[in-house]
């Protein structure tokens, strides 16, 4: 997925995200610090962050990508995806979509597990490496974090897991 920035010939790295929608307080500080430290290694380099903008890990990642001056590409599972958010999640989702350089909406008319699975795979397919905010447990439903991680492993995509040991989502 790597491409070259035509302005200066520098390699653009695409970093995808998958992660839990609920990050417990016992994990939040660890996850936030781990994400900042992870992204710090790309300071001064062109990065495109790929996210489906779900609440929790996806929105946290997208906000940090933008805060650090990188580019955001949103990969949305379906039309009417915004219907899945509560008031606070929707406000954050709309703000992040508005700041995304590119928004790709997959062909599903309504949000569903198949759409979530396809969006996770698309993030993995379009990235050079995947960051997973994941406790290592199986997915709660089709299209969860574990499915994206399994797919990344299947196709040989590098994965960085940021999660404190012993904490479950």
N, C-alpha and C. Protein backbone atom coordinates (compact mmCIF):
# COMPACT_ATOMS: atom_id res chain seq x y z
N UNK A 1 0.82 -1.19 0.00
CA UNK A 1 0.00 0.00 0.00
C UNK A 1 0.86 1.25 0.00
N UNK A 2 2.10 1.14 0.35
CA UNK A 2 2.96 2.32 0.39
C UNK A 2 2.93 3.04 -0.94
N UNK A 3 3.00 4.34 -0.85
CA UNK A 3 3.08 5.16 -2.05
C UNK A 3 4.08 6.26 -1.76
N UNK A 4 4.44 6.97 -2.79
CA UNK A 4 5.42 8.03 -2.64
C UNK A 4 4.73 9.38 -2.71
N UNK A 5 5.09 10.27 -1.81
CA UNK A 5 4.61 11.64 -1.83
C UNK A 5 5.34 12.35 -2.96
N UNK A 6 4.62 12.75 -3.98
CA UNK A 6 5.23 13.33 -5.16
C UNK A 6 5.97 14.64 -4.87
N UNK A 7 5.55 15.37 -3.85
CA UNK A 7 6.17 16.66 -3.55
C UNK A 7 7.63 16.50 -3.11
N UNK A 8 7.91 15.46 -2.32
CA UNK A 8 9.28 15.34 -1.81
C UNK A 8 9.86 13.94 -1.95
N UNK A 9 9.14 13.03 -2.60
CA UNK A 9 9.65 11.69 -2.83
C UNK A 9 9.67 10.80 -1.60
N UNK A 10 9.13 11.27 -0.49
CA UNK A 10 9.14 10.49 0.75
C UNK A 10 8.02 9.45 0.74
N UNK A 11 8.33 8.29 1.29
CA UNK A 11 7.38 7.19 1.37
C UNK A 11 6.23 7.54 2.33
N UNK A 12 4.99 7.37 1.88
CA UNK A 12 3.81 7.56 2.73
C UNK A 12 3.48 6.22 3.36
N UNK A 13 3.30 6.20 4.68
CA UNK A 13 2.93 4.96 5.35
C UNK A 13 1.45 5.03 5.73
N UNK A 14 0.76 3.94 5.47
CA UNK A 14 -0.66 3.82 5.79
C UNK A 14 -0.80 2.93 7.01
N UNK A 15 -1.36 3.48 8.07
CA UNK A 15 -1.53 2.75 9.32
C UNK A 15 -3.02 2.56 9.56
N UNK A 16 -3.45 1.31 9.64
CA UNK A 16 -4.84 1.01 9.92
C UNK A 16 -5.05 0.75 11.40
N UNK A 17 -6.31 0.85 11.81
CA UNK A 17 -6.64 0.60 13.21
C UNK A 17 -7.81 -0.37 13.32
N UNK A 18 -7.76 -1.17 14.34
CA UNK A 18 -8.88 -1.98 14.79
C UNK A 18 -8.82 -1.96 16.30
N UNK A 19 -9.97 -2.09 16.93
CA UNK A 19 -9.93 -2.08 18.39
C UNK A 19 -11.31 -2.10 19.02
N UNK A 20 -11.29 -2.25 20.30
CA UNK A 20 -12.53 -2.35 21.06
C UNK A 20 -13.27 -1.03 21.12
N UNK A 21 -14.58 -1.13 21.07
CA UNK A 21 -15.40 0.07 21.20
C UNK A 21 -15.44 0.54 22.65
N UNK A 22 -15.34 -0.37 23.57
CA UNK A 22 -15.30 0.00 24.98
C UNK A 22 -13.89 -0.23 25.52
N UNK A 23 -13.24 0.84 25.90
CA UNK A 23 -11.92 0.74 26.51
C UNK A 23 -12.10 1.03 28.00
N UNK A 24 -11.93 0.00 28.85
CA UNK A 24 -12.15 0.21 30.28
C UNK A 24 -11.14 1.20 30.87
N UNK A 25 -11.54 1.84 31.93
CA UNK A 25 -10.66 2.82 32.59
C UNK A 25 -9.31 2.20 32.94
N UNK A 26 -9.30 0.91 33.29
CA UNK A 26 -8.05 0.24 33.65
C UNK A 26 -7.08 0.17 32.47
N UNK A 27 -7.57 0.37 31.26
CA UNK A 27 -6.72 0.29 30.07
C UNK A 27 -6.51 1.65 29.40
N UNK A 28 -7.36 2.62 29.69
CA UNK A 28 -7.39 3.87 28.93
C UNK A 28 -6.04 4.61 28.92
N UNK A 29 -5.44 4.83 30.07
CA UNK A 29 -4.18 5.58 30.13
C UNK A 29 -3.09 4.82 29.37
N UNK A 30 -3.02 3.52 29.55
CA UNK A 30 -2.04 2.69 28.86
C UNK A 30 -2.21 2.80 27.34
N UNK A 31 -3.44 2.70 26.88
CA UNK A 31 -3.75 2.76 25.45
C UNK A 31 -3.41 4.13 24.87
N UNK A 32 -3.82 5.18 25.54
CA UNK A 32 -3.55 6.53 25.05
C UNK A 32 -2.05 6.81 24.98
N UNK A 33 -1.33 6.45 26.03
CA UNK A 33 0.12 6.64 26.05
C UNK A 33 0.79 5.78 24.98
N UNK A 34 0.36 4.53 24.87
CA UNK A 34 0.92 3.63 23.87
C UNK A 34 0.71 4.14 22.45
N UNK A 35 -0.45 4.71 22.19
CA UNK A 35 -0.72 5.27 20.87
C UNK A 35 0.18 6.47 20.59
N UNK A 36 0.30 7.37 21.55
CA UNK A 36 1.18 8.53 21.36
C UNK A 36 2.62 8.09 21.10
N UNK A 37 3.10 7.13 21.88
CA UNK A 37 4.48 6.63 21.69
C UNK A 37 4.63 5.95 20.34
N UNK A 38 3.64 5.18 19.94
CA UNK A 38 3.68 4.50 18.65
C UNK A 38 3.76 5.52 17.52
N UNK A 39 2.89 6.51 17.53
CA UNK A 39 2.87 7.50 16.45
C UNK A 39 4.09 8.41 16.45
N UNK A 40 4.72 8.59 17.61
CA UNK A 40 5.90 9.46 17.70
C UNK A 40 7.02 8.98 16.78
N UNK A 41 7.09 7.70 16.52
CA UNK A 41 8.15 7.19 15.63
C UNK A 41 7.96 7.64 14.18
N UNK A 42 6.79 8.20 13.88
CA UNK A 42 6.51 8.68 12.52
C UNK A 42 6.49 10.21 12.44
N UNK A 43 6.93 10.89 13.50
CA UNK A 43 7.01 12.35 13.46
C UNK A 43 7.82 12.80 12.26
N UNK A 44 7.29 13.74 11.53
CA UNK A 44 8.00 14.28 10.37
C UNK A 44 7.87 13.44 9.12
N UNK A 45 7.18 12.32 9.21
CA UNK A 45 6.97 11.46 8.03
C UNK A 45 5.50 11.51 7.64
N UNK A 46 5.20 11.38 6.35
CA UNK A 46 3.80 11.41 5.93
C UNK A 46 3.08 10.09 6.29
N UNK A 47 2.01 10.23 7.04
CA UNK A 47 1.21 9.08 7.48
C UNK A 47 -0.24 9.31 7.11
N UNK A 48 -0.88 8.25 6.64
CA UNK A 48 -2.32 8.24 6.45
C UNK A 48 -2.87 7.20 7.43
N UNK A 49 -3.75 7.64 8.32
CA UNK A 49 -4.41 6.75 9.26
C UNK A 49 -5.74 6.29 8.68
N UNK A 50 -5.99 4.98 8.71
CA UNK A 50 -7.23 4.42 8.18
C UNK A 50 -8.09 3.93 9.33
N UNK A 51 -9.34 4.39 9.37
CA UNK A 51 -10.22 4.05 10.47
C UNK A 51 -11.66 4.00 10.00
N UNK A 52 -12.44 3.11 10.62
CA UNK A 52 -13.88 3.06 10.37
C UNK A 52 -14.65 4.01 11.28
N UNK A 53 -13.96 4.65 12.18
CA UNK A 53 -14.51 5.69 13.06
C UNK A 53 -15.58 5.21 14.03
N UNK A 54 -15.54 3.92 14.38
CA UNK A 54 -16.42 3.43 15.43
C UNK A 54 -16.03 4.09 16.74
N UNK A 55 -16.94 4.10 17.71
CA UNK A 55 -16.60 4.66 19.01
C UNK A 55 -15.46 3.86 19.62
N UNK A 56 -14.80 4.42 20.57
CA UNK A 56 -13.71 3.73 21.25
C UNK A 56 -12.40 3.87 20.51
N UNK A 57 -11.75 2.75 20.25
CA UNK A 57 -10.40 2.74 19.69
C UNK A 57 -10.30 3.45 18.34
N UNK A 58 -11.26 3.24 17.47
CA UNK A 58 -11.21 3.85 16.13
C UNK A 58 -11.22 5.38 16.22
N UNK A 59 -12.11 5.92 17.03
CA UNK A 59 -12.19 7.38 17.15
C UNK A 59 -10.99 7.93 17.89
N UNK A 60 -10.51 7.22 18.90
CA UNK A 60 -9.31 7.65 19.63
C UNK A 60 -8.12 7.73 18.67
N UNK A 61 -7.93 6.71 17.86
CA UNK A 61 -6.85 6.67 16.89
C UNK A 61 -6.99 7.81 15.88
N UNK A 62 -8.18 7.97 15.32
CA UNK A 62 -8.40 9.00 14.30
C UNK A 62 -8.11 10.39 14.86
N UNK A 63 -8.57 10.65 16.07
CA UNK A 63 -8.33 11.97 16.68
C UNK A 63 -6.84 12.21 16.90
N UNK A 64 -6.11 11.18 17.29
CA UNK A 64 -4.67 11.32 17.52
C UNK A 64 -3.92 11.48 16.19
N UNK A 65 -4.35 10.78 15.16
CA UNK A 65 -3.76 10.95 13.82
C UNK A 65 -3.87 12.42 13.41
N UNK A 66 -5.05 12.99 13.57
CA UNK A 66 -5.26 14.39 13.19
C UNK A 66 -4.49 15.34 14.10
N UNK A 67 -4.49 15.06 15.40
CA UNK A 67 -3.79 15.93 16.35
C UNK A 67 -2.30 16.01 16.05
N UNK A 68 -1.74 14.92 15.55
CA UNK A 68 -0.30 14.88 15.26
C UNK A 68 0.01 15.37 13.84
N UNK A 69 -0.99 15.88 13.14
CA UNK A 69 -0.76 16.48 11.83
C UNK A 69 -0.75 15.52 10.66
N UNK A 70 -1.18 14.29 10.92
CA UNK A 70 -1.24 13.31 9.84
C UNK A 70 -2.59 13.38 9.13
N UNK A 71 -2.77 12.56 8.14
CA UNK A 71 -3.97 12.54 7.31
C UNK A 71 -4.87 11.38 7.72
N UNK A 72 -6.17 11.62 7.70
CA UNK A 72 -7.15 10.59 8.05
C UNK A 72 -7.93 10.16 6.81
N UNK A 73 -8.04 8.85 6.63
CA UNK A 73 -8.91 8.26 5.61
C UNK A 73 -9.94 7.41 6.35
N UNK A 74 -11.21 7.72 6.15
CA UNK A 74 -12.29 6.97 6.80
C UNK A 74 -12.81 5.90 5.86
N UNK A 75 -12.96 4.69 6.39
CA UNK A 75 -13.54 3.58 5.63
C UNK A 75 -14.80 3.17 6.39
N UNK A 76 -15.94 3.61 5.90
CA UNK A 76 -17.21 3.39 6.59
C UNK A 76 -17.88 2.12 6.09
N UNK A 77 -18.40 1.30 7.02
CA UNK A 77 -18.96 0.01 6.64
C UNK A 77 -20.20 0.07 5.76
N UNK A 78 -20.98 1.16 5.87
CA UNK A 78 -22.26 1.19 5.14
C UNK A 78 -22.80 2.62 5.08
N UNK A 79 -23.79 2.78 4.23
CA UNK A 79 -24.57 4.00 4.29
C UNK A 79 -25.37 3.92 5.59
N UNK A 80 -25.80 5.01 6.09
CA UNK A 80 -26.58 5.10 7.33
C UNK A 80 -25.82 4.57 8.56
N UNK A 81 -24.52 4.48 8.45
CA UNK A 81 -23.67 4.04 9.57
C UNK A 81 -23.86 4.93 10.79
N UNK A 82 -24.14 6.21 10.56
CA UNK A 82 -24.29 7.16 11.66
C UNK A 82 -25.43 6.77 12.60
N UNK A 83 -26.36 5.96 12.15
CA UNK A 83 -27.48 5.51 13.00
C UNK A 83 -27.03 4.61 14.15
N UNK A 84 -25.82 4.10 14.09
CA UNK A 84 -25.34 3.17 15.13
C UNK A 84 -24.77 3.89 16.34
N UNK A 85 -24.64 5.23 16.28
CA UNK A 85 -23.97 5.97 17.34
C UNK A 85 -24.97 6.60 18.31
N UNK A 86 -24.56 6.66 19.59
CA UNK A 86 -25.33 7.46 20.54
C UNK A 86 -24.97 8.93 20.31
N UNK A 87 -25.55 9.83 21.06
CA UNK A 87 -25.38 11.27 20.85
C UNK A 87 -23.90 11.69 20.88
N UNK A 88 -23.16 11.26 21.90
CA UNK A 88 -21.76 11.64 22.02
C UNK A 88 -20.91 11.02 20.92
N UNK A 89 -21.14 9.75 20.65
CA UNK A 89 -20.39 9.07 19.60
C UNK A 89 -20.66 9.67 18.23
N UNK A 90 -21.91 10.08 18.00
CA UNK A 90 -22.27 10.69 16.73
C UNK A 90 -21.58 12.04 16.55
N UNK A 91 -21.53 12.82 17.60
CA UNK A 91 -20.87 14.13 17.52
C UNK A 91 -19.40 13.95 17.14
N UNK A 92 -18.73 13.02 17.79
CA UNK A 92 -17.33 12.75 17.49
C UNK A 92 -17.17 12.19 16.07
N UNK A 93 -18.04 11.25 15.69
CA UNK A 93 -18.02 10.67 14.35
C UNK A 93 -18.14 11.75 13.28
N UNK A 94 -19.12 12.63 13.43
CA UNK A 94 -19.34 13.68 12.44
C UNK A 94 -18.14 14.63 12.34
N UNK A 95 -17.55 14.97 13.50
CA UNK A 95 -16.37 15.85 13.49
C UNK A 95 -15.21 15.18 12.76
N UNK A 96 -14.99 13.90 13.02
CA UNK A 96 -13.88 13.19 12.39
C UNK A 96 -14.12 12.99 10.89
N UNK A 97 -15.33 12.64 10.50
CA UNK A 97 -15.64 12.50 9.07
C UNK A 97 -15.38 13.82 8.36
N UNK A 98 -15.74 14.92 9.02
CA UNK A 98 -15.54 16.23 8.42
C UNK A 98 -14.07 16.59 8.23
N UNK A 99 -13.19 15.97 9.00
CA UNK A 99 -11.75 16.26 8.90
C UNK A 99 -10.99 15.23 8.07
N UNK A 100 -11.67 14.16 7.67
CA UNK A 100 -11.02 13.12 6.87
C UNK A 100 -10.69 13.66 5.48
N UNK A 101 -9.50 13.34 5.01
CA UNK A 101 -9.10 13.75 3.65
C UNK A 101 -9.87 12.96 2.62
N UNK A 102 -10.19 11.69 2.96
CA UNK A 102 -10.93 10.83 2.05
C UNK A 102 -11.91 10.00 2.87
N UNK A 103 -13.13 9.83 2.34
CA UNK A 103 -14.14 8.99 2.98
C UNK A 103 -14.61 7.97 1.95
N UNK A 104 -14.44 6.70 2.30
CA UNK A 104 -14.89 5.59 1.46
C UNK A 104 -16.04 4.92 2.19
N UNK A 105 -17.19 4.84 1.54
CA UNK A 105 -18.34 4.16 2.13
C UNK A 105 -18.57 2.87 1.35
N UNK A 106 -18.55 1.75 2.05
CA UNK A 106 -18.73 0.45 1.40
C UNK A 106 -20.18 0.31 0.94
N UNK A 107 -20.46 -0.68 0.12
CA UNK A 107 -21.71 -0.79 -0.59
C UNK A 107 -22.94 -1.25 0.19
N UNK A 108 -22.82 -1.50 1.46
CA UNK A 108 -23.98 -1.94 2.23
C UNK A 108 -24.93 -0.78 2.48
N UNK A 109 -26.24 -1.03 2.34
CA UNK A 109 -27.24 0.02 2.56
C UNK A 109 -27.41 0.31 4.06
N UNK A 110 -27.26 -0.71 4.89
CA UNK A 110 -27.46 -0.59 6.34
C UNK A 110 -26.28 -1.22 7.08
N UNK A 111 -26.00 -0.72 8.27
CA UNK A 111 -24.97 -1.34 9.10
C UNK A 111 -25.36 -2.78 9.46
N UNK A 112 -24.39 -3.68 9.39
CA UNK A 112 -24.61 -5.08 9.76
C UNK A 112 -23.24 -5.72 10.00
N UNK A 113 -23.24 -6.91 10.57
CA UNK A 113 -21.97 -7.58 10.86
C UNK A 113 -21.14 -7.84 9.60
N UNK A 114 -21.80 -8.19 8.50
CA UNK A 114 -21.05 -8.41 7.25
C UNK A 114 -20.35 -7.13 6.81
N UNK A 115 -21.03 -6.00 6.97
CA UNK A 115 -20.43 -4.71 6.62
C UNK A 115 -19.24 -4.41 7.52
N UNK A 116 -19.38 -4.69 8.81
CA UNK A 116 -18.27 -4.45 9.74
C UNK A 116 -17.07 -5.33 9.39
N UNK A 117 -17.33 -6.59 9.05
CA UNK A 117 -16.25 -7.50 8.67
C UNK A 117 -15.54 -7.00 7.41
N UNK A 118 -16.31 -6.58 6.42
CA UNK A 118 -15.72 -6.10 5.18
C UNK A 118 -14.92 -4.81 5.42
N UNK A 119 -15.45 -3.92 6.26
CA UNK A 119 -14.72 -2.68 6.56
C UNK A 119 -13.40 -2.99 7.26
N UNK A 120 -13.41 -3.93 8.20
CA UNK A 120 -12.17 -4.33 8.87
C UNK A 120 -11.16 -4.88 7.89
N UNK A 121 -11.63 -5.71 6.97
CA UNK A 121 -10.73 -6.26 5.95
C UNK A 121 -10.21 -5.18 5.02
N UNK A 122 -11.05 -4.23 4.68
CA UNK A 122 -10.62 -3.14 3.79
C UNK A 122 -9.54 -2.29 4.46
N UNK A 123 -9.72 -2.01 5.76
CA UNK A 123 -8.68 -1.27 6.50
C UNK A 123 -7.37 -2.05 6.42
N UNK A 124 -7.41 -3.34 6.67
CA UNK A 124 -6.21 -4.18 6.63
C UNK A 124 -5.62 -4.20 5.22
N UNK A 125 -6.45 -4.38 4.21
CA UNK A 125 -5.96 -4.43 2.83
C UNK A 125 -5.27 -3.13 2.42
N UNK A 126 -5.78 -2.00 2.90
CA UNK A 126 -5.28 -0.69 2.47
C UNK A 126 -4.15 -0.16 3.34
N UNK A 127 -3.74 -0.89 4.36
CA UNK A 127 -2.68 -0.37 5.24
C UNK A 127 -1.37 -1.12 5.06
N UNK A 128 -0.30 -0.47 5.51
CA UNK A 128 1.02 -1.11 5.53
C UNK A 128 1.22 -1.87 6.83
N UNK A 129 0.58 -1.38 7.89
CA UNK A 129 0.62 -2.05 9.19
C UNK A 129 -0.64 -1.72 9.95
N UNK A 130 -1.00 -2.61 10.86
CA UNK A 130 -2.24 -2.49 11.62
C UNK A 130 -1.92 -2.30 13.09
N UNK A 131 -2.57 -1.31 13.70
CA UNK A 131 -2.51 -1.12 15.15
C UNK A 131 -3.80 -1.70 15.72
N UNK A 132 -3.67 -2.56 16.72
CA UNK A 132 -4.85 -3.19 17.33
C UNK A 132 -4.90 -2.86 18.81
N UNK A 133 -5.99 -2.26 19.22
CA UNK A 133 -6.27 -2.03 20.64
C UNK A 133 -7.16 -3.18 21.05
N UNK A 134 -6.52 -4.25 21.50
CA UNK A 134 -7.17 -5.55 21.59
C UNK A 134 -6.66 -6.33 22.79
N UNK A 135 -7.59 -6.95 23.51
CA UNK A 135 -7.23 -7.73 24.69
C UNK A 135 -6.88 -9.18 24.37
N UNK A 136 -6.87 -9.55 23.10
CA UNK A 136 -6.48 -10.90 22.70
C UNK A 136 -7.62 -11.91 22.71
N UNK A 137 -8.81 -11.47 23.07
CA UNK A 137 -9.95 -12.37 23.16
C UNK A 137 -10.68 -12.48 21.82
N UNK A 138 -11.45 -13.57 21.63
CA UNK A 138 -12.22 -13.73 20.40
C UNK A 138 -13.23 -12.59 20.24
N UNK A 139 -13.66 -12.38 19.01
CA UNK A 139 -14.65 -11.33 18.71
C UNK A 139 -16.00 -11.66 19.35
N UNK A 140 -16.70 -10.62 19.79
CA UNK A 140 -18.05 -10.79 20.34
C UNK A 140 -19.06 -11.11 19.25
N UNK A 141 -18.79 -10.64 18.06
CA UNK A 141 -19.67 -10.89 16.92
C UNK A 141 -18.84 -10.81 15.66
N UNK A 142 -19.43 -11.14 14.55
CA UNK A 142 -18.75 -11.11 13.27
C UNK A 142 -18.32 -9.67 12.96
N UNK A 143 -17.06 -9.54 12.57
CA UNK A 143 -16.55 -8.21 12.21
C UNK A 143 -15.88 -7.49 13.35
N UNK A 144 -15.61 -8.18 14.45
CA UNK A 144 -14.96 -7.55 15.59
C UNK A 144 -13.45 -7.46 15.43
N UNK A 145 -12.82 -6.93 16.45
CA UNK A 145 -11.38 -6.71 16.45
C UNK A 145 -10.60 -7.98 16.16
N UNK A 146 -10.98 -9.08 16.79
CA UNK A 146 -10.26 -10.34 16.58
C UNK A 146 -10.32 -10.79 15.12
N UNK A 147 -11.42 -10.51 14.45
CA UNK A 147 -11.53 -10.88 13.03
C UNK A 147 -10.56 -10.08 12.17
N UNK A 148 -10.43 -8.79 12.45
CA UNK A 148 -9.49 -7.95 11.69
C UNK A 148 -8.05 -8.40 11.95
N UNK A 149 -7.74 -8.71 13.19
CA UNK A 149 -6.39 -9.17 13.53
C UNK A 149 -6.11 -10.51 12.84
N UNK A 150 -7.07 -11.42 12.87
CA UNK A 150 -6.89 -12.72 12.21
C UNK A 150 -6.66 -12.55 10.72
N UNK A 151 -7.40 -11.67 10.10
CA UNK A 151 -7.24 -11.42 8.66
C UNK A 151 -5.86 -10.82 8.38
N UNK A 152 -5.43 -9.87 9.21
CA UNK A 152 -4.11 -9.26 9.03
C UNK A 152 -3.02 -10.34 9.13
N UNK A 153 -3.17 -11.23 10.09
CA UNK A 153 -2.19 -12.33 10.22
C UNK A 153 -2.21 -13.23 8.99
N UNK A 154 -3.41 -13.52 8.52
CA UNK A 154 -3.60 -14.40 7.36
C UNK A 154 -2.87 -13.86 6.12
N UNK A 155 -2.91 -12.54 5.92
CA UNK A 155 -2.27 -11.98 4.72
C UNK A 155 -0.87 -11.45 5.00
N UNK A 156 -0.39 -11.64 6.23
CA UNK A 156 0.98 -11.27 6.55
C UNK A 156 1.20 -9.79 6.83
N UNK A 157 0.15 -9.09 7.22
CA UNK A 157 0.27 -7.66 7.53
C UNK A 157 0.87 -7.51 8.93
N UNK A 158 1.88 -6.66 9.09
CA UNK A 158 2.44 -6.43 10.42
C UNK A 158 1.37 -5.84 11.37
N UNK A 159 1.41 -6.28 12.61
CA UNK A 159 0.42 -5.85 13.62
C UNK A 159 1.16 -5.39 14.87
N UNK A 160 0.74 -4.26 15.41
CA UNK A 160 1.20 -3.79 16.70
C UNK A 160 0.00 -3.78 17.63
N UNK A 161 0.05 -4.54 18.72
CA UNK A 161 -1.04 -4.57 19.69
C UNK A 161 -0.67 -3.64 20.84
N UNK A 162 -1.60 -2.75 21.17
CA UNK A 162 -1.43 -1.84 22.30
C UNK A 162 -2.56 -2.12 23.28
N UNK A 163 -2.23 -2.83 24.36
CA UNK A 163 -3.24 -3.18 25.36
C UNK A 163 -2.51 -3.67 26.60
N UNK A 164 -2.95 -3.26 27.79
CA UNK A 164 -2.28 -3.72 29.00
C UNK A 164 -2.59 -5.19 29.31
N UNK A 165 -1.58 -5.90 29.70
CA UNK A 165 -1.72 -7.32 30.01
C UNK A 165 -2.71 -7.52 31.17
N UNK A 166 -3.58 -8.50 31.00
CA UNK A 166 -4.49 -8.87 32.07
C UNK A 166 -5.78 -8.06 32.15
N UNK A 167 -5.96 -7.09 31.27
CA UNK A 167 -7.18 -6.28 31.28
C UNK A 167 -8.08 -6.74 30.14
N UNK A 168 -9.34 -7.00 30.46
CA UNK A 168 -10.31 -7.40 29.45
C UNK A 168 -11.20 -6.21 29.11
N UNK A 169 -11.63 -6.17 27.86
CA UNK A 169 -12.54 -5.09 27.47
C UNK A 169 -13.89 -5.43 27.94
